[in-house]
Amino acid sequence: MKKSEIVNLLKKAFEHKKSLKITYYSPHNNEHTTRVIDVYKIWKSAITAFCHLRNEERTFVIARISSVTLLKTRYKIPRGWQPQSIILDK
């Protein structure tokens, strides 16, 4: 999947508050995992999302996402939500 397609689907999911299924590469474990996520914030090179696999907020580097599928499930960002991690958006 092209990176431009991935970014477009991330933006579409965020705009319409729809969950995504992604394939994500973790260099720490040297493995690809399939995850369902809810995008809370899109940064320049990463996203902050709720990860259903880990049941917590996570940061995902966009370049490590190899596929994205838009799901029908809708979500809401918690009221007053602020990112737990600090991302330098430069």
PDB file of N, CA and C in Angstrom:
ATOM      1  N   MET A   1       0.849  -1.180   0.000  1.00  0.00           N
ATOM      2  CA  MET A   1       0.000   0.000   0.000  1.00  0.00           C
ATOM      3  C   MET A   1       0.891   1.239   0.000  1.00  0.00           C
ATOM      4  N   LYS A   2       0.581   2.216  -0.835  1.00  0.00           N
ATOM      5  CA  LYS A   2       1.379   3.441  -0.912  1.00  0.00           C
ATOM      6  C   LYS A   2       1.181   4.288   0.339  1.00  0.00           C
ATOM      7  N   LYS A   3       2.246   4.984   0.732  1.00  0.00           N
ATOM      8  CA  LYS A   3       2.185   5.839   1.933  1.00  0.00           C
ATOM      9  C   LYS A   3       1.119   6.917   1.788  1.00  0.00           C
ATOM     10  N   SER A   4       0.958   7.465   0.572  1.00  0.00           N
ATOM     11  CA  SER A   4      -0.067   8.498   0.373  1.00  0.00           C
ATOM     12  C   SER A   4      -1.468   7.932   0.629  1.00  0.00           C
ATOM     13  N   GLU A   5      -1.713   6.683   0.243  1.00  0.00           N
ATOM     14  CA  GLU A   5      -3.001   6.033   0.505  1.00  0.00           C
ATOM     15  C   GLU A   5      -3.211   5.847   2.002  1.00  0.00           C
ATOM     16  N   ILE A   6      -2.151   5.445   2.679  1.00  0.00           N
ATOM     17  CA  ILE A   6      -2.219   5.244   4.127  1.00  0.00           C
ATOM     18  C   ILE A   6      -2.564   6.553   4.826  1.00  0.00           C
ATOM     19  N   VAL A   7      -1.855   7.617   4.473  1.00  0.00           N
ATOM     20  CA  VAL A   7      -2.097   8.928   5.095  1.00  0.00           C
ATOM     21  C   VAL A   7      -3.520   9.392   4.814  1.00  0.00           C
ATOM     22  N   ASN A   8      -3.994   9.217   3.583  1.00  0.00           N
ATOM     23  CA  ASN A   8      -5.360   9.624   3.244  1.00  0.00           C
ATOM     24  C   ASN A   8      -6.398   8.862   4.059  1.00  0.00           C
ATOM     25  N   LEU A   9      -6.193   7.554   4.239  1.00  0.00           N
ATOM     26  CA  LEU A   9      -7.130   6.770   5.048  1.00  0.00           C
ATOM     27  C   LEU A   9      -7.060   7.143   6.527  1.00  0.00           C
ATOM     28  N   LEU A  10      -5.876   7.453   7.023  1.00  0.00           N
ATOM     29  CA  LEU A  10      -5.740   7.904   8.415  1.00  0.00           C
ATOM     30  C   LEU A  10      -6.545   9.189   8.622  1.00  0.00           C
ATOM     31  N   LYS A  11      -6.406  10.121   7.683  1.00  0.00           N
ATOM     32  CA  LYS A  11      -7.121  11.398   7.776  1.00  0.00           C
ATOM     33  C   LYS A  11      -8.633  11.192   7.669  1.00  0.00           C
ATOM     34  N   LYS A  12      -9.050  10.336   6.756  1.00  0.00           N
ATOM     35  CA  LYS A  12     -10.480  10.062   6.578  1.00  0.00           C
ATOM     36  C   LYS A  12     -11.073   9.438   7.840  1.00  0.00           C
ATOM     37  N   ALA A  13     -10.363   8.474   8.411  1.00  0.00           N
ATOM     38  CA  ALA A  13     -10.825   7.822   9.635  1.00  0.00           C
ATOM     39  C   ALA A  13     -10.936   8.828  10.777  1.00  0.00           C
ATOM     40  N   PHE A  14      -9.947   9.691  10.901  1.00  0.00           N
ATOM     41  CA  PHE A  14      -9.952  10.700  11.962  1.00  0.00           C
ATOM     42  C   PHE A  14     -11.116  11.677  11.767  1.00  0.00           C
ATOM     43  N   GLU A  15     -11.298  12.124  10.542  1.00  0.00           N
ATOM     44  CA  GLU A  15     -12.360  13.085  10.234  1.00  0.00           C
ATOM     45  C   GLU A  15     -13.748  12.519  10.536  1.00  0.00           C
ATOM     46  N   HIS A  16     -13.966  11.251  10.197  1.00  0.00           N
ATOM     47  CA  HIS A  16     -15.271  10.627  10.383  1.00  0.00           C
ATOM     48  C   HIS A  16     -15.366   9.793  11.668  1.00  0.00           C
ATOM     49  N   LYS A  17     -14.279   9.795  12.448  1.00  0.00           N
ATOM     50  CA  LYS A  17     -14.216   9.042  13.717  1.00  0.00           C
ATOM     51  C   LYS A  17     -14.595   7.584  13.509  1.00  0.00           C
ATOM     52  N   LYS A  18     -13.883   6.947  12.565  1.00  0.00           N
ATOM     53  CA  LYS A  18     -14.079   5.519  12.288  1.00  0.00           C
ATOM     54  C   LYS A  18     -12.806   4.763  12.643  1.00  0.00           C
ATOM     55  N   SER A  19     -12.978   3.611  13.236  1.00  0.00           N
ATOM     56  CA  SER A  19     -11.832   2.785  13.615  1.00  0.00           C
ATOM     57  C   SER A  19     -11.130   2.262  12.367  1.00  0.00           C
ATOM     58  N   LEU A  20      -9.870   1.884  12.559  1.00  0.00           N
ATOM     59  CA  LEU A  20      -9.048   1.339  11.485  1.00  0.00           C
ATOM     60  C   LEU A  20      -8.440   0.022  11.910  1.00  0.00           C
ATOM     61  N   LYS A  21      -8.205  -0.841  10.939  1.00  0.00           N
ATOM     62  CA  LYS A  21      -7.380  -2.021  11.166  1.00  0.00           C
ATOM     63  C   LYS A  21      -6.074  -1.745  10.434  1.00  0.00           C
ATOM     64  N   ILE A  22      -4.966  -1.823  11.143  1.00  0.00           N
ATOM     65  CA  ILE A  22      -3.661  -1.539  10.536  1.00  0.00           C
ATOM     66  C   ILE A  22      -2.724  -2.737  10.710  1.00  0.00           C
ATOM     67  N   THR A  23      -1.760  -2.804   9.819  1.00  0.00           N
ATOM     68  CA  THR A  23      -0.630  -3.714   9.986  1.00  0.00           C
ATOM     69  C   THR A  23       0.547  -2.818  10.326  1.00  0.00           C
ATOM     70  N   TYR A  24       1.177  -3.091  11.465  1.00  0.00           N
ATOM     71  CA  TYR A  24       2.217  -2.203  11.989  1.00  0.00           C
ATOM     72  C   TYR A  24       3.493  -2.980  12.274  1.00  0.00           C
ATOM     73  N   TYR A  25       4.618  -2.402  11.851  1.00  0.00           N
ATOM     74  CA  TYR A  25       5.922  -3.016  12.097  1.00  0.00           C
ATOM     75  C   TYR A  25       6.542  -2.417  13.356  1.00  0.00           C
ATOM     76  N   SER A  26       6.936  -3.291  14.267  1.00  0.00           N
ATOM     77  CA  SER A  26       7.623  -2.868  15.490  1.00  0.00           C
ATOM     78  C   SER A  26       9.087  -3.296  15.409  1.00  0.00           C
ATOM     79  N   PRO A  27      10.005  -2.333  15.247  1.00  0.00           N
ATOM     80  CA  PRO A  27      11.421  -2.705  15.166  1.00  0.00           C
ATOM     81  C   PRO A  27      11.954  -3.283  16.471  1.00  0.00           C
ATOM     82  N   HIS A  28      11.347  -2.895  17.583  1.00  0.00           N
ATOM     83  CA  HIS A  28      11.777  -3.401  18.895  1.00  0.00           C
ATOM     84  C   HIS A  28      11.627  -4.926  18.961  1.00  0.00           C
ATOM     85  N   ASN A  29      10.492  -5.421  18.424  1.00  0.00           N
ATOM     86  CA  ASN A  29      10.230  -6.867  18.433  1.00  0.00           C
ATOM     87  C   ASN A  29      10.526  -7.517  17.093  1.00  0.00           C
ATOM     88  N   ASN A  30      10.845  -6.697  16.096  1.00  0.00           N
ATOM     89  CA  ASN A  30      11.063  -7.160  14.724  1.00  0.00           C
ATOM     90  C   ASN A  30       9.894  -8.024  14.243  1.00  0.00           C
ATOM     91  N   GLU A  31       8.663  -7.477  14.425  1.00  0.00           N
ATOM     92  CA  GLU A  31       7.487  -8.208  13.991  1.00  0.00           C
ATOM     93  C   GLU A  31       6.401  -7.263  13.486  1.00  0.00           C
ATOM     94  N   HIS A  32       5.519  -7.811  12.658  1.00  0.00           N
ATOM     95  CA  HIS A  32       4.347  -7.086  12.174  1.00  0.00           C
ATOM     96  C   HIS A  32       3.147  -7.556  12.986  1.00  0.00           C
ATOM     97  N   THR A  33       2.333  -6.603  13.438  1.00  0.00           N
ATOM     98  CA  THR A  33       1.117  -6.953  14.164  1.00  0.00           C
ATOM     99  C   THR A  33      -0.073  -6.292  13.488  1.00  0.00           C
ATOM    100  N   THR A  34      -1.230  -6.932  13.624  1.00  0.00           N
ATOM    101  CA  THR A  34      -2.478  -6.352  13.143  1.00  0.00           C
ATOM    102  C   THR A  34      -3.185  -5.791  14.356  1.00  0.00           C
ATOM    103  N   ARG A  35      -3.608  -4.540  14.227  1.00  0.00           N
ATOM    104  CA  ARG A  35      -4.233  -3.858  15.355  1.00  0.00           C
ATOM    105  C   ARG A  35      -5.465  -3.106  14.889  1.00  0.00           C
ATOM    106  N   VAL A  36      -6.415  -2.942  15.771  1.00  0.00           N
ATOM    107  CA  VAL A  36      -7.542  -2.044  15.541  1.00  0.00           C
ATOM    108  C   VAL A  36      -7.264  -0.810  16.382  1.00  0.00           C
ATOM    109  N   ILE A  37      -7.344   0.356  15.738  1.00  0.00           N
ATOM    110  CA  ILE A  37      -7.020   1.608  16.431  1.00  0.00           C
ATOM    111  C   ILE A  37      -8.096   2.663  16.178  1.00  0.00           C
ATOM    112  N   ASP A  38      -8.149   3.639  17.089  1.00  0.00           N
ATOM    113  CA  ASP A  38      -8.986   4.824  16.957  1.00  0.00           C
ATOM    114  C   ASP A  38      -8.044   6.026  16.975  1.00  0.00           C
ATOM    115  N   VAL A  39      -7.976   6.763  15.883  1.00  0.00           N
ATOM    116  CA  VAL A  39      -7.021   7.870  15.755  1.00  0.00           C
ATOM    117  C   VAL A  39      -7.495   9.072  16.574  1.00  0.00           C
ATOM    118  N   TYR A  40      -6.648   9.528  17.486  1.00  0.00           N
ATOM    119  CA  TYR A  40      -6.952  10.688  18.324  1.00  0.00           C
ATOM    120  C   TYR A  40      -6.256  11.951  17.832  1.00  0.00           C
ATOM    121  N   LYS A  41      -5.095  11.798  17.205  1.00  0.00           N
ATOM    122  CA  LYS A  41      -4.324  12.966  16.740  1.00  0.00           C
ATOM    123  C   LYS A  41      -3.397  12.508  15.631  1.00  0.00           C
ATOM    124  N   ILE A  42      -3.311  13.319  14.581  1.00  0.00           N
ATOM    125  CA  ILE A  42      -2.372  13.051  13.502  1.00  0.00           C
ATOM    126  C   ILE A  42      -1.279  14.106  13.569  1.00  0.00           C
ATOM    127  N   TRP A  43      -0.059  13.641  13.708  1.00  0.00           N
ATOM    128  CA  TRP A  43       1.113  14.505  13.729  1.00  0.00           C
ATOM    129  C   TRP A  43       1.740  14.475  12.340  1.00  0.00           C
ATOM    130  N   LYS A  44       2.868  15.098  12.194  1.00  0.00           N
ATOM    131  CA  LYS A  44       3.544  15.133  10.890  1.00  0.00           C
ATOM    132  C   LYS A  44       4.002  13.743  10.450  1.00  0.00           C
ATOM    133  N   SER A  45       4.571  12.974  11.355  1.00  0.00           N
ATOM    134  CA  SER A  45       5.115  11.667  10.976  1.00  0.00           C
ATOM    135  C   SER A  45       4.598  10.522  11.852  1.00  0.00           C
ATOM    136  N   ALA A  46       3.616  10.816  12.694  1.00  0.00           N
ATOM    137  CA  ALA A  46       3.094   9.796  13.609  1.00  0.00           C
ATOM    138  C   ALA A  46       1.630  10.089  13.922  1.00  0.00           C
ATOM    139  N   ILE A  47       0.985   9.115  14.547  1.00  0.00           N
ATOM    140  CA  ILE A  47      -0.377   9.321  15.041  1.00  0.00           C
ATOM    141  C   ILE A  47      -0.437   8.874  16.493  1.00  0.00           C
ATOM    142  N   THR A  48      -1.322   9.491  17.234  1.00  0.00           N
ATOM    143  CA  THR A  48      -1.636   9.028  18.572  1.00  0.00           C
ATOM    144  C   THR A  48      -3.021   8.401  18.465  1.00  0.00           C
ATOM    145  N   ALA A  49      -3.159   7.193  18.964  1.00  0.00           N
ATOM    146  CA  ALA A  49      -4.415   6.465  18.816  1.00  0.00           C
ATOM    147  C   ALA A  49      -4.651   5.553  20.006  1.00  0.00           C
ATOM    148  N   PHE A  50      -5.917   5.199  20.198  1.00  0.00           N
ATOM    149  CA  PHE A  50      -6.244   4.164  21.161  1.00  0.00           C
ATOM    150  C   PHE A  50      -6.060   2.830  20.455  1.00  0.00           C
ATOM    151  N   CYS A  51      -5.242   1.961  21.025  1.00  0.00           N
ATOM    152  CA  CYS A  51      -4.950   0.652  20.451  1.00  0.00           C
ATOM    153  C   CYS A  51      -5.785  -0.397  21.187  1.00  0.00           C
ATOM    154  N   HIS A  52      -6.664  -1.058  20.442  1.00  0.00           N
ATOM    155  CA  HIS A  52      -7.530  -2.069  21.056  1.00  0.00           C
ATOM    156  C   HIS A  52      -6.752  -3.325  21.454  1.00  0.00           C
ATOM    157  N   LEU A  53      -5.656  -3.621  20.760  1.00  0.00           N
ATOM    158  CA  LEU A  53      -4.829  -4.777  21.118  1.00  0.00           C
ATOM    159  C   LEU A  53      -4.197  -4.593  22.496  1.00  0.00           C
ATOM    160  N   ARG A  54      -3.639  -3.421  22.747  1.00  0.00           N
ATOM    161  CA  ARG A  54      -2.974  -3.133  24.028  1.00  0.00           C
ATOM    162  C   ARG A  54      -3.910  -2.505  25.049  1.00  0.00           C
ATOM    163  N   ASN A  55      -5.105  -2.095  24.599  1.00  0.00           N
ATOM    164  CA  ASN A  55      -6.103  -1.460  25.451  1.00  0.00           C
ATOM    165  C   ASN A  55      -5.571  -0.205  26.138  1.00  0.00           C
ATOM    166  N   GLU A  56      -4.826   0.587  25.345  1.00  0.00           N
ATOM    167  CA  GLU A  56      -4.298   1.849  25.857  1.00  0.00           C
ATOM    168  C   GLU A  56      -3.885   2.749  24.702  1.00  0.00           C
ATOM    169  N   GLU A  57      -3.637   3.994  25.019  1.00  0.00           N
ATOM    170  CA  GLU A  57      -3.176   4.964  24.021  1.00  0.00           C
ATOM    171  C   GLU A  57      -1.755   4.624  23.600  1.00  0.00           C
ATOM    172  N   ARG A  58      -1.512   4.693  22.301  1.00  0.00           N
ATOM    173  CA  ARG A  58      -0.183   4.413  21.750  1.00  0.00           C
ATOM    174  C   ARG A  58       0.151   5.418  20.666  1.00  0.00           C
ATOM    175  N   THR A  59       1.429   5.559  20.387  1.00  0.00           N
ATOM    176  CA  THR A  59       1.903   6.388  19.282  1.00  0.00           C
ATOM    177  C   THR A  59       2.435   5.466  18.204  1.00  0.00           C
ATOM    178  N   PHE A  60       2.014   5.704  16.971  1.00  0.00           N
ATOM    179  CA  PHE A  60       2.425   4.884  15.832  1.00  0.00           C
ATOM    180  C   PHE A  60       3.120   5.748  14.807  1.00  0.00           C
ATOM    181  N   VAL A  61       4.298   5.328  14.372  1.00  0.00           N
ATOM    182  CA  VAL A  61       5.039   6.027  13.323  1.00  0.00           C
ATOM    183  C   VAL A  61       4.373   5.664  11.996  1.00  0.00           C
ATOM    184  N   ILE A  62       3.954   6.662  11.239  1.00  0.00           N
ATOM    185  CA  ILE A  62       3.217   6.421  10.002  1.00  0.00           C
ATOM    186  C   ILE A  62       4.029   5.576   9.018  1.00  0.00           C
ATOM    187  N   ALA A  63       5.324   5.803   8.944  1.00  0.00           N
ATOM    188  CA  ALA A  63       6.171   5.051   8.007  1.00  0.00           C
ATOM    189  C   ALA A  63       6.212   3.553   8.313  1.00  0.00           C
ATOM    190  N   ARG A  64       5.831   3.157   9.526  1.00  0.00           N
ATOM    191  CA  ARG A  64       5.838   1.734   9.905  1.00  0.00           C
ATOM    192  C   ARG A  64       4.491   1.049   9.670  1.00  0.00           C
ATOM    193  N   ILE A  65       3.501   1.806   9.210  1.00  0.00           N
ATOM    194  CA  ILE A  65       2.190   1.236   8.902  1.00  0.00           C
ATOM    195  C   ILE A  65       2.232   0.770   7.451  1.00  0.00           C
ATOM    196  N   SER A  66       1.983  -0.529   7.229  1.00  0.00           N
ATOM    197  CA  SER A  66       2.073  -1.056   5.864  1.00  0.00           C
ATOM    198  C   SER A  66       0.718  -1.241   5.196  1.00  0.00           C
ATOM    199  N   SER A  67      -0.357  -1.332   5.987  1.00  0.00           N
ATOM    200  CA  SER A  67      -1.694  -1.414   5.399  1.00  0.00           C
ATOM    201  C   SER A  67      -2.725  -0.851   6.370  1.00  0.00           C
ATOM    202  N   VAL A  68      -3.810  -0.335   5.787  1.00  0.00           N
ATOM    203  CA  VAL A  68      -4.885   0.277   6.562  1.00  0.00           C
ATOM    204  C   VAL A  68      -6.224  -0.145   5.953  1.00  0.00           C
ATOM    205  N   THR A  69      -7.153  -0.514   6.807  1.00  0.00           N
ATOM    206  CA  THR A  69      -8.515  -0.808   6.371  1.00  0.00           C
ATOM    207  C   THR A  69      -9.465   0.017   7.225  1.00  0.00           C
ATOM    208  N   LEU A  70     -10.322   0.781   6.569  1.00  0.00           N
ATOM    209  CA  LEU A  70     -11.315   1.589   7.257  1.00  0.00           C
ATOM    210  C   LEU A  70     -12.456   0.677   7.709  1.00  0.00           C
ATOM    211  N   LEU A  71     -12.789   0.741   8.989  1.00  0.00           N
ATOM    212  CA  LEU A  71     -13.858  -0.090   9.547  1.00  0.00           C
ATOM    213  C   LEU A  71     -15.142   0.723   9.702  1.00  0.00           C
ATOM    214  N   LYS A  72     -16.249   0.057   9.933  1.00  0.00           N
ATOM    215  CA  LYS A  72     -17.540   0.742  10.098  1.00  0.00           C
ATOM    216  C   LYS A  72     -17.749   1.242  11.519  1.00  0.00           C
ATOM    217  N   THR A  73     -16.980   0.698  12.447  1.00  0.00           N
ATOM    218  CA  THR A  73     -17.120   1.045  13.862  1.00  0.00           C
ATOM    219  C   THR A  73     -16.765   2.507  14.093  1.00  0.00           C
ATOM    220  N   ARG A  74     -17.631   3.208  14.804  1.00  0.00           N
ATOM    221  CA  ARG A  74     -17.383   4.619  15.134  1.00  0.00           C
ATOM    222  C   ARG A  74     -16.861   4.722  16.574  1.00  0.00           C
ATOM    223  N   TYR A  75     -16.137   5.793  16.846  1.00  0.00           N
ATOM    224  CA  TYR A  75     -15.604   6.020  18.189  1.00  0.00           C
ATOM    225  C   TYR A  75     -15.713   7.492  18.545  1.00  0.00           C
ATOM    226  N   LYS A  76     -15.505   7.786  19.809  1.00  0.00           N
ATOM    227  CA  LYS A  76     -15.463   9.173  20.281  1.00  0.00           C
ATOM    228  C   LYS A  76     -14.160   9.373  21.026  1.00  0.00           C
ATOM    229  N   ILE A  77     -13.561  10.524  20.812  1.00  0.00           N
ATOM    230  CA  ILE A  77     -12.371  10.888  21.580  1.00  0.00           C
ATOM    231  C   ILE A  77     -12.861  11.357  22.956  1.00  0.00           C
ATOM    232  N   PRO A  78     -12.266  10.838  24.020  1.00  0.00           N
ATOM    233  CA  PRO A  78     -12.726  11.234  25.356  1.00  0.00           C
ATOM    234  C   PRO A  78     -12.677  12.747  25.559  1.00  0.00           C
ATOM    235  N   ARG A  79     -13.698  13.266  26.205  1.00  0.00           N
ATOM    236  CA  ARG A  79     -13.775  14.706  26.474  1.00  0.00           C
ATOM    237  C   ARG A  79     -12.559  15.157  27.278  1.00  0.00           C
ATOM    238  N   GLY A  80     -11.952  16.256  26.865  1.00  0.00           N
ATOM    239  CA  GLY A  80     -10.792  16.800  27.558  1.00  0.00           C
ATOM    240  C   GLY A  80      -9.511  16.024  27.309  1.00  0.00           C
ATOM    241  N   TRP A  81      -9.515  15.122  26.329  1.00  0.00           N
ATOM    242  CA  TRP A  81      -8.351  14.291  26.056  1.00  0.00           C
ATOM    243  C   TRP A  81      -7.127  15.138  25.697  1.00  0.00           C
ATOM    244  N   GLN A  82      -5.989  14.743  26.233  1.00  0.00           N
ATOM    245  CA  GLN A  82      -4.689  15.322  25.899  1.00  0.00           C
ATOM    246  C   GLN A  82      -3.733  14.163  25.660  1.00  0.00           C
ATOM    247  N   PRO A  83      -2.812  14.301  24.699  1.00  0.00           N
ATOM    248  CA  PRO A  83      -1.868  13.199  24.454  1.00  0.00           C
ATOM    249  C   PRO A  83      -1.043  12.884  25.693  1.00  0.00           C
ATOM    250  N   GLN A  84      -0.835  11.584  25.945  1.00  0.00           N
ATOM    251  CA  GLN A  84       0.000  11.171  27.076  1.00  0.00           C
ATOM    252  C   GLN A  84       1.471  11.281  26.725  1.00  0.00           C
ATOM    253  N   SER A  85       1.774  11.067  25.458  1.00  0.00           N
ATOM    254  CA  SER A  85       3.169  11.122  25.034  1.00  0.00           C
ATOM    255  C   SER A  85       3.454  12.492  24.423  1.00  0.00           C
ATOM    256  N   ILE A  86       4.702  12.884  24.469  1.00  0.00           N
ATOM    257  CA  ILE A  86       5.102  14.166  23.897  1.00  0.00           C
ATOM    258  C   ILE A  86       5.703  13.904  22.531  1.00  0.00           C
ATOM    259  N   ILE A  87       5.158  14.566  21.528  1.00  0.00           N
ATOM    260  CA  ILE A  87       5.649  14.403  20.167  1.00  0.00           C
ATOM    261  C   ILE A  87       6.098  15.778  19.679  1.00  0.00           C
ATOM    262  N   LEU A  88       7.278  15.850  19.139  1.00  0.00           N
ATOM    263  CA  LEU A  88       7.736  17.092  18.543  1.00  0.00           C
ATOM    264  C   LEU A  88       7.263  17.101  17.094  1.00  0.00           C
ATOM    265  N   ASP A  89       6.329  17.964  16.786  1.00  0.00           N
ATOM    266  CA  ASP A  89       5.706  17.986  15.464  1.00  0.00           C
ATOM    267  C   ASP A  89       6.463  18.968  14.570  1.00  0.00           C
ATOM    268  N   LYS A  90       7.662  18.565  14.187  1.00  0.00           N
ATOM    269  CA  LYS A  90       8.496  19.440  13.356  1.00  0.00           C
ATOM    270  C   LYS A  90       8.766  18.803  12.031  1.00  0.00           C
TER     271      LYS A  90
END
